[in-house]
C-alpha cells in the first residue's frame, strides 16, 4: 500500500472506523449509506476492499496554511472502497471530509485505490460519476479513466445520469504514468500541505458546518 508524506497515512478500514466514516458520509452524499452497510462490507463481503486516509492527530491546518498542533479528536479525513469481481475493481465510494477538500486528498485516495486494486490482481478499474460532476470527471481522466457508457437516471436523489468510466491497469506504460502522478502529488502534499480555511476545522466537524468545496 502506498504511504504518502507526513502528516497523512493510509491503511485498511476496520469496524472501529465506522463512526468516523459515517460522519463524513453524512456530509458528503445526499443519500448516505447507513453504518450497517459498512459493517457488512468489512465483515461479510470478501469482495470489498476499503481504505481510510488519516491525518496525524497532533496536526491541524493553521491560518498561515501550515501544520500546527491540533485541538480536534479523530484523524480520519477520508475513505474509499472498491469491489473486486472477476478481475475488475469497481469503485463503490470515495469521500473526503468537507474541511479537507481541495487539497489533493481525493486524488490521493483515488491513487491508493488504483494501487490497491493492482496489488490484488485487478486488470480493470471502473466507477460511476454524476454527469454534472465535472471536477471528479477531470480527476478520473487525469488517471487515465475514459467514458465507456452511461446509466440513465442512476442516482435516486434526483434521477441524474451516471457516466461509466474505466481504465486498464495492466502494462508498464500505465504503471509508469502512476509513478509520475504519485511523485507529483507527494511533492505537493509534502510541501505546504494546507491552505487557510474560511472556518475553523474543529467547529466545522462539531456543528456540521463546512467550507465550500
Protein backbone atom coordinates (compact mmCIF):
# COMPACT_ATOMS: atom_id res chain seq x y z
CA UNK A 1 0.00 0.00 0.00
CA UNK A 2 1.30 3.45 -0.86
CA UNK A 3 2.25 5.70 2.04
CA UNK A 4 2.05 9.46 1.50
CA UNK A 5 4.24 12.04 3.24
CA UNK A 6 3.57 13.22 6.78
CA UNK A 7 1.06 14.11 8.19
CA UNK A 8 -1.03 11.72 6.06
CA UNK A 9 -1.24 7.92 6.15
CA UNK A 10 -3.34 5.21 4.52
CA UNK A 11 -4.49 1.88 5.93
CA UNK A 12 -7.27 -0.66 5.58
CA UNK A 13 -10.60 0.26 7.14
CA UNK A 14 -11.74 -1.56 10.28
CA UNK A 15 -15.08 -1.64 12.09
CA UNK A 16 -13.65 0.83 14.61
CA UNK A 17 -13.53 3.40 11.80
CA UNK A 18 -17.25 3.19 11.02
CA UNK A 19 -18.38 6.12 13.26
CA UNK A 20 -15.80 8.43 11.65
CA UNK A 21 -16.68 7.17 8.17
CA UNK A 22 -20.41 7.72 8.74
CA UNK A 23 -19.76 11.27 9.94
CA UNK A 24 -18.03 12.02 6.62
CA UNK A 25 -20.63 10.02 4.67
CA UNK A 26 -23.50 12.09 6.06
CA UNK A 27 -21.79 15.32 5.00
CA UNK A 28 -20.83 14.05 1.56
CA UNK A 29 -23.79 12.30 -0.06
CA UNK A 30 -27.49 13.18 -0.47
CA UNK A 31 -28.37 9.52 0.12
CA UNK A 32 -25.74 8.34 2.61
CA UNK A 33 -25.07 4.70 3.37
CA UNK A 34 -26.01 3.61 6.90
CA UNK A 35 -23.42 2.15 9.27
CA UNK A 36 -24.71 -1.38 8.69
CA UNK A 37 -23.63 -1.22 5.04
CA UNK A 38 -20.02 -0.55 6.00
CA UNK A 39 -20.16 -3.18 8.73
CA UNK A 40 -21.35 -5.69 6.13
CA UNK A 41 -18.62 -4.63 3.71
CA UNK A 42 -15.95 -5.19 6.35
CA UNK A 43 -17.24 -8.38 7.95
CA UNK A 44 -19.22 -10.29 5.32
CA UNK A 45 -18.22 -9.13 1.86
CA UNK A 46 -14.98 -10.81 0.80
CA UNK A 47 -15.01 -8.79 -2.43
CA UNK A 48 -14.86 -5.44 -0.64
CA UNK A 49 -11.60 -3.56 -0.13
CA UNK A 50 -11.86 -0.36 1.92
CA UNK A 51 -9.17 2.15 2.87
CA UNK A 52 -9.10 5.12 5.21
CA UNK A 53 -6.98 8.23 4.93
CA UNK A 54 -5.77 9.65 8.22
CA UNK A 55 -4.05 12.82 9.27
CA UNK A 56 -1.78 12.69 12.28
CA UNK A 57 -3.94 13.58 15.28
CA UNK A 58 -1.35 16.07 16.51
CA UNK A 59 -1.76 18.33 13.50
CA UNK A 60 -4.39 20.60 12.01
CA UNK A 61 -4.38 23.45 9.46
CA UNK A 62 -3.31 26.83 10.78
CA UNK A 63 -4.28 30.20 9.32
CA UNK A 64 -0.94 30.50 7.54
CA UNK A 65 -1.68 27.26 5.69
CA UNK A 66 0.90 25.16 7.50
CA UNK A 67 0.54 22.41 10.06
CA UNK A 68 0.14 23.29 13.73
CA UNK A 69 -0.93 21.43 16.91
CA UNK A 70 -4.47 20.12 16.75
CA UNK A 71 -7.43 20.66 19.03
CA UNK A 72 -9.52 18.09 17.13
CA UNK A 73 -10.04 14.49 18.04
CA UNK A 74 -10.23 11.75 15.43
CA UNK A 75 -7.90 11.66 12.46
CA UNK A 76 -9.91 10.01 9.66
CA UNK A 77 -10.26 12.58 6.89
CA UNK A 78 -11.39 10.37 4.01
CA UNK A 79 -12.07 6.86 2.77
CA UNK A 80 -12.70 4.80 -0.33
CA UNK A 81 -13.86 1.30 -1.25
CA UNK A 82 -13.98 -0.99 -4.26
CA UNK A 83 -15.30 -4.44 -5.03
CA UNK A 84 -13.07 -6.95 -6.81
CA UNK A 85 -15.08 -9.10 -9.23
CA UNK A 86 -13.50 -11.29 -11.92
CA UNK A 87 -10.53 -9.02 -12.49
CA UNK A 88 -12.49 -5.77 -12.28
CA UNK A 89 -12.19 -3.33 -9.39
CA UNK A 90 -15.46 -1.41 -9.15
CA UNK A 91 -15.12 1.72 -7.01
CA UNK A 92 -18.18 1.89 -4.77
CA UNK A 93 -17.46 5.03 -2.77
CA UNK A 94 -14.84 7.74 -2.23
CA UNK A 95 -15.19 10.73 0.07
CA UNK A 96 -13.12 13.37 1.87
CA UNK A 97 -14.37 15.30 4.89
CA UNK A 98 -15.59 18.73 3.75
CA UNK A 99 -12.96 20.79 5.65
CA UNK A 100 -10.17 18.82 3.97
CA UNK A 101 -11.28 19.01 0.35
CA UNK A 102 -9.48 20.84 -2.47
CA UNK A 103 -6.08 19.78 -1.11
CA UNK A 104 -5.31 16.75 -3.27
CA UNK A 105 -6.66 14.24 -0.75
CA UNK A 106 -9.38 12.92 -3.05
CA UNK A 107 -6.67 12.36 -5.63
CA UNK A 108 -4.57 10.60 -3.01
CA UNK A 109 -7.45 8.26 -2.19
CA UNK A 110 -8.06 7.53 -5.87
CA UNK A 111 -4.37 6.75 -6.34
CA UNK A 112 -4.46 4.47 -3.28
CA UNK A 113 -7.49 2.59 -4.61
CA UNK A 114 -5.84 2.12 -8.00
CA UNK A 115 -2.66 0.89 -6.33
CA UNK A 116 -4.58 -1.49 -4.06
CA UNK A 117 -6.66 -2.78 -6.96
CA UNK A 118 -3.49 -3.54 -8.92
CA UNK A 119 -1.94 -5.31 -5.94
CA UNK A 120 -4.91 -7.69 -5.56
CA UNK A 121 -4.93 -8.63 -9.23
CA UNK A 122 -7.43 -6.28 -10.85
CA UNK A 123 -6.96 -5.76 -14.57
CA UNK A 124 -9.58 -3.03 -14.93
CA UNK A 125 -10.83 -0.26 -12.64
CA UNK A 126 -14.36 1.10 -13.15
CA UNK A 127 -16.62 3.63 -11.46
CA UNK A 128 -19.73 5.74 -11.91
CA UNK A 129 -19.78 9.54 -11.69
CA UNK A 130 -22.57 12.08 -11.96
CA UNK A 131 -22.88 13.76 -15.34
CA UNK A 132 -22.79 17.13 -13.58
CA UNK A 133 -19.64 16.37 -11.54
CA UNK A 134 -17.07 17.79 -13.93
CA UNK A 135 -14.44 18.20 -11.22
CA UNK A 136 -14.46 14.46 -10.44
CA UNK A 137 -14.51 13.59 -14.14
CA UNK A 138 -11.36 15.66 -14.71
CA UNK A 139 -9.63 13.94 -11.80
CA UNK A 140 -10.54 10.48 -13.11
CA UNK A 141 -9.41 11.42 -16.63
CA UNK A 142 -6.09 12.55 -15.14
CA UNK A 143 -5.58 8.94 -14.07
CA UNK A 144 -6.50 7.54 -17.46
CA UNK A 145 -10.17 6.72 -16.96
CA UNK A 146 -12.31 7.18 -20.03
CA UNK A 147 -16.08 7.29 -20.53
CA UNK A 148 -17.39 3.96 -21.83
CA UNK A 149 -21.11 4.18 -21.10
CA UNK A 150 -23.96 5.82 -19.28
CA UNK A 151 -26.53 4.70 -16.69
CA UNK A 152 -29.82 6.54 -17.21
CA UNK A 153 -31.38 8.02 -14.05
CA UNK A 154 -28.81 6.21 -11.91
CA UNK A 155 -28.92 8.49 -8.86
CA UNK A 156 -32.07 8.10 -6.78
CA UNK A 157 -31.99 11.55 -5.15
CA UNK A 158 -32.59 13.48 -8.38
CA UNK A 159 -32.69 10.96 -11.23
CA UNK A 160 -29.39 12.18 -12.65
CA UNK A 161 -27.49 10.04 -15.15
CA UNK A 162 -24.16 8.45 -14.30
CA UNK A 163 -21.20 8.19 -16.64
CA UNK A 164 -19.30 4.89 -16.54
CA UNK A 165 -15.53 5.41 -16.61
CA UNK A 166 -12.86 2.72 -16.80
CA UNK A 167 -9.11 2.26 -17.16
CA UNK A 168 -6.97 -0.81 -17.82
CA UNK A 169 -4.41 -1.24 -15.05
CA UNK A 170 -2.04 -3.63 -16.79
CA UNK A 171 1.03 -2.59 -18.69
CA UNK A 172 4.27 -0.83 -17.91
CA UNK A 173 3.18 2.40 -19.60
CA UNK A 174 0.25 2.85 -17.22
CA UNK A 175 2.27 1.89 -14.15
CA UNK A 176 4.95 4.40 -15.15
CA UNK A 177 2.22 7.03 -15.50
CA UNK A 178 1.02 6.23 -12.00
CA UNK A 179 4.51 6.63 -10.61
CA UNK A 180 4.77 10.06 -12.24
CA UNK A 181 1.40 11.11 -10.84
CA UNK A 182 2.36 9.82 -7.40
CA UNK A 183 5.66 11.72 -7.40
CA UNK A 184 3.90 14.96 -8.37
CA UNK A 185 1.15 14.50 -5.78
CA UNK A 186 3.54 13.54 -2.98
CA UNK A 187 5.65 16.60 -3.75
CA UNK A 188 2.52 18.74 -3.39
CA UNK A 189 1.43 17.06 -0.16
CA UNK A 190 4.91 17.13 1.33
CA UNK A 191 5.33 20.88 0.90
CA UNK A 192 2.95 23.45 2.34
CA UNK A 193 0.22 20.87 2.57
CA UNK A 194 -2.64 23.02 3.84
CA UNK A 195 -4.12 26.35 2.82
CA UNK A 196 -6.06 28.79 5.00
CA UNK A 197 -9.63 27.75 5.74
CA UNK A 198 -12.60 30.14 5.86
CA UNK A 199 -13.84 28.50 9.08
CA UNK A 200 -12.27 26.64 11.97
CA UNK A 201 -11.89 22.92 11.22
CA UNK A 202 -12.93 21.76 14.70
CA UNK A 203 -16.07 23.91 14.71
CA UNK A 204 -16.95 22.55 11.26
CA UNK A 205 -16.72 18.98 12.47
CA UNK A 206 -18.67 19.65 15.63
CA UNK A 207 -21.54 21.67 14.19
CA UNK A 208 -21.74 20.20 10.71
CA UNK A 209 -20.71 23.46 9.03
CA UNK A 210 -18.14 23.07 6.31
CA UNK A 211 -16.26 25.36 3.93
CA UNK A 212 -17.13 25.50 0.25
CA UNK A 213 -15.59 22.67 -1.71
